[in-house]
Amino acid sequence: SLSLNDGAGDSGRGGHETGHPAIAKEPPQRLHVILMMVLLSSCVALLFKNLDVVLGLAGATGATMICYIIPGYCYAASFKHPHLMRKVAWAQLIFGLIIGPSSVVIILLDAANLL
């Protein structure tokens, strides 16, 4: 008969009880994160009739982080000595910190028909 546990216990491959990496037990923290993501996604799907608000918020936050905030921070943190490009990186980061929240506010005001 086919058994998941061959009685050998931990075989040294990643600390899994069964010795098989595909049958690893999920840590409880990861399950909580997955459950929260599913619940939040469900709430968003039930609350918004129009996806343009959701996609606009995702774009406003995600694109700003990827294009402005993270690269500016990484460059400024990587090169500590003062030079022109470090100042440009800080300017890029500050610009991202201004345009990101501004975009979110504009999208929410537009969704509430206040613009």
C-alpha atoms as a PDB file:
ATOM      1  CA  SER A   1       0.000   0.000   0.000  1.00  0.00           C
ATOM      2  CA  LEU A   2       1.036   3.596  -0.594  1.00  0.00           C
ATOM      3  CA  SER A   3       2.020   5.493   2.527  1.00  0.00           C
ATOM      4  CA  LEU A   4       3.009   9.154   2.851  1.00  0.00           C
ATOM      5  CA  ASN A   5       5.228   8.441   5.846  1.00  0.00           C
ATOM      6  CA  ASP A   6       7.707   5.648   5.310  1.00  0.00           C
ATOM      7  CA  GLY A   7       8.637   5.578   9.008  1.00  0.00           C
ATOM      8  CA  ALA A   8      12.009   7.174   8.375  1.00  0.00           C
ATOM      9  CA  GLY A   9      10.913  10.514   9.855  1.00  0.00           C
ATOM     10  CA  ASP A  10      12.929  13.547   8.810  1.00  0.00           C
ATOM     11  CA  SER A  11      15.214  12.595   5.961  1.00  0.00           C
ATOM     12  CA  GLY A  12      17.162  15.875   6.125  1.00  0.00           C
ATOM     13  CA  ARG A  13      15.436  17.434   3.119  1.00  0.00           C
ATOM     14  CA  GLY A  14      14.082  20.743   4.345  1.00  0.00           C
ATOM     15  CA  GLY A  15      12.881  19.476   7.730  1.00  0.00           C
ATOM     16  CA  HIS A  16       9.647  17.994   6.382  1.00  0.00           C
ATOM     17  CA  GLU A  17       8.085  15.261   8.470  1.00  0.00           C
ATOM     18  CA  THR A  18       7.422  13.032   5.498  1.00  0.00           C
ATOM     19  CA  GLY A  19      10.706  13.644   3.753  1.00  0.00           C
ATOM     20  CA  HIS A  20       8.806  14.695   0.644  1.00  0.00           C
ATOM     21  CA  PRO A  21       9.035  18.438  -0.151  1.00  0.00           C
ATOM     22  CA  ALA A  22       5.605  18.567  -1.838  1.00  0.00           C
ATOM     23  CA  ILE A  23       3.831  17.318   1.294  1.00  0.00           C
ATOM     24  CA  ALA A  24       5.257  19.915   3.683  1.00  0.00           C
ATOM     25  CA  LYS A  25       2.993  21.229   6.414  1.00  0.00           C
ATOM     26  CA  GLU A  26       2.275  24.940   6.034  1.00  0.00           C
ATOM     27  CA  PRO A  27       3.354  27.104   8.991  1.00  0.00           C
ATOM     28  CA  PRO A  28       0.364  28.646  10.813  1.00  0.00           C
ATOM     29  CA  GLN A  29       1.537  32.203  10.053  1.00  0.00           C
ATOM     30  CA  ARG A  30       1.468  31.531   6.332  1.00  0.00           C
ATOM     31  CA  LEU A  31      -2.023  30.086   6.555  1.00  0.00           C
ATOM     32  CA  HIS A  32      -3.168  33.210   8.394  1.00  0.00           C
ATOM     33  CA  VAL A  33      -1.690  35.444   5.694  1.00  0.00           C
ATOM     34  CA  ILE A  34      -3.319  33.385   2.935  1.00  0.00           C
ATOM     35  CA  LEU A  35      -6.667  33.463   4.738  1.00  0.00           C
ATOM     36  CA  MET A  36      -6.468  37.246   5.204  1.00  0.00           C
ATOM     37  CA  MET A  37      -5.623  37.747   1.520  1.00  0.00           C
ATOM     38  CA  VAL A  38      -8.592  35.645   0.429  1.00  0.00           C
ATOM     39  CA  LEU A  39     -10.943  37.441   2.829  1.00  0.00           C
ATOM     40  CA  LEU A  40      -9.739  40.900   1.793  1.00  0.00           C
ATOM     41  CA  SER A  41     -10.012  39.983  -1.881  1.00  0.00           C
ATOM     42  CA  SER A  42     -13.544  38.749  -1.297  1.00  0.00           C
ATOM     43  CA  CYS A  43     -14.477  41.968   0.511  1.00  0.00           C
ATOM     44  CA  VAL A  44     -13.111  44.079  -2.338  1.00  0.00           C
ATOM     45  CA  ALA A  45     -15.005  41.982  -4.877  1.00  0.00           C
ATOM     46  CA  LEU A  46     -18.250  42.377  -2.925  1.00  0.00           C
ATOM     47  CA  LEU A  47     -17.865  46.103  -2.202  1.00  0.00           C
ATOM     48  CA  PHE A  48     -16.908  47.458  -5.623  1.00  0.00           C
ATOM     49  CA  LYS A  49     -19.221  47.154  -8.594  1.00  0.00           C
ATOM     50  CA  ASN A  50     -16.680  48.675 -10.945  1.00  0.00           C
ATOM     51  CA  LEU A  51     -13.166  47.301 -11.232  1.00  0.00           C
ATOM     52  CA  ASP A  52     -11.604  50.570 -12.421  1.00  0.00           C
ATOM     53  CA  VAL A  53     -11.363  51.810  -8.812  1.00  0.00           C
ATOM     54  CA  VAL A  54      -9.619  48.649  -7.663  1.00  0.00           C
ATOM     55  CA  LEU A  55      -7.251  48.601 -10.628  1.00  0.00           C
ATOM     56  CA  GLY A  56      -6.587  52.316 -10.235  1.00  0.00           C
ATOM     57  CA  LEU A  57      -5.653  51.887  -6.571  1.00  0.00           C
ATOM     58  CA  ALA A  58      -3.460  48.895  -7.363  1.00  0.00           C
ATOM     59  CA  GLY A  59      -1.724  50.853 -10.109  1.00  0.00           C
ATOM     60  CA  ALA A  60      -1.352  54.000  -8.025  1.00  0.00           C
ATOM     61  CA  THR A  61       0.278  52.155  -5.164  1.00  0.00           C
ATOM     62  CA  GLY A  62       2.139  49.380  -6.986  1.00  0.00           C
ATOM     63  CA  ALA A  63       3.515  51.415  -9.873  1.00  0.00           C
ATOM     64  CA  THR A  64       4.590  54.254  -7.597  1.00  0.00           C
ATOM     65  CA  MET A  65       6.430  51.821  -5.334  1.00  0.00           C
ATOM     66  CA  ILE A  66       8.097  49.966  -8.217  1.00  0.00           C
ATOM     67  CA  CYS A  67       9.011  52.995 -10.336  1.00  0.00           C
ATOM     68  CA  TYR A  68       9.855  55.691  -7.795  1.00  0.00           C
ATOM     69  CA  ILE A  69      10.060  54.733  -4.131  1.00  0.00           C
ATOM     70  CA  ILE A  70      11.922  51.398  -4.133  1.00  0.00           C
ATOM     71  CA  PRO A  71      14.591  52.323  -6.734  1.00  0.00           C
ATOM     72  CA  GLY A  72      15.243  55.687  -5.080  1.00  0.00           C
ATOM     73  CA  TYR A  73      15.565  54.123  -1.660  1.00  0.00           C
ATOM     74  CA  CYS A  74      17.758  51.260  -2.868  1.00  0.00           C
ATOM     75  CA  TYR A  75      20.167  53.610  -4.623  1.00  0.00           C
ATOM     76  CA  ALA A  76      20.346  56.033  -1.701  1.00  0.00           C
ATOM     77  CA  ALA A  77      20.885  53.180   0.750  1.00  0.00           C
ATOM     78  CA  SER A  78      23.505  51.472  -1.425  1.00  0.00           C
ATOM     79  CA  PHE A  79      25.701  54.498  -2.114  1.00  0.00           C
ATOM     80  CA  LYS A  80      26.332  56.353   1.138  1.00  0.00           C
ATOM     81  CA  HIS A  81      28.873  58.938  -0.070  1.00  0.00           C
ATOM     82  CA  PRO A  82      27.256  62.228  -1.171  1.00  0.00           C
ATOM     83  CA  HIS A  83      27.154  62.780  -4.931  1.00  0.00           C
ATOM     84  CA  LEU A  84      24.710  64.065  -7.543  1.00  0.00           C
ATOM     85  CA  MET A  85      23.034  60.730  -8.337  1.00  0.00           C
ATOM     86  CA  ARG A  86      22.315  60.123  -4.633  1.00  0.00           C
ATOM     87  CA  LYS A  87      20.542  63.486  -4.512  1.00  0.00           C
ATOM     88  CA  VAL A  88      18.575  62.508  -7.625  1.00  0.00           C
ATOM     89  CA  ALA A  89      17.642  59.205  -5.942  1.00  0.00           C
ATOM     90  CA  TRP A  90      16.360  61.069  -2.869  1.00  0.00           C
ATOM     91  CA  ALA A  91      14.391  63.436  -5.117  1.00  0.00           C
ATOM     92  CA  GLN A  92      12.883  60.432  -6.919  1.00  0.00           C
ATOM     93  CA  LEU A  93      11.931  58.818  -3.606  1.00  0.00           C
ATOM     94  CA  ILE A  94      10.333  62.026  -2.286  1.00  0.00           C
ATOM     95  CA  PHE A  95       8.464  62.503  -5.570  1.00  0.00           C
ATOM     96  CA  GLY A  96       7.095  58.957  -5.227  1.00  0.00           C
ATOM     97  CA  LEU A  97       6.035  59.646  -1.643  1.00  0.00           C
ATOM     98  CA  ILE A  98       4.095  62.686  -2.878  1.00  0.00           C
ATOM     99  CA  ILE A  99       2.561  61.308  -6.070  1.00  0.00           C
ATOM    100  CA  GLY A 100       1.514  57.925  -4.603  1.00  0.00           C
ATOM    101  CA  PRO A 101      -0.809  59.206  -1.857  1.00  0.00           C
ATOM    102  CA  SER A 102      -2.001  62.018  -4.148  1.00  0.00           C
ATOM    103  CA  SER A 103      -3.025  59.460  -6.767  1.00  0.00           C
ATOM    104  CA  VAL A 104      -4.880  57.388  -4.180  1.00  0.00           C
ATOM    105  CA  VAL A 105      -6.789  60.455  -2.941  1.00  0.00           C
ATOM    106  CA  ILE A 106      -7.697  61.505  -6.494  1.00  0.00           C
ATOM    107  CA  ILE A 107      -8.914  57.983  -7.360  1.00  0.00           C
ATOM    108  CA  LEU A 108     -11.034  57.774  -4.193  1.00  0.00           C
ATOM    109  CA  LEU A 109     -12.514  61.245  -4.740  1.00  0.00           C
ATOM    110  CA  ASP A 110     -13.324  60.334  -8.313  1.00  0.00           C
ATOM    111  CA  ALA A 111     -14.951  57.076  -7.188  1.00  0.00           C
ATOM    112  CA  ALA A 112     -17.116  59.015  -4.708  1.00  0.00           C
ATOM    113  CA  ASN A 113     -18.103  61.424  -7.515  1.00  0.00           C
ATOM    114  CA  LEU A 114     -16.596  64.360  -5.644  1.00  0.00           C
ATOM    115  CA  LEU A 115     -14.413  65.469  -8.555  1.00  0.00           C
END
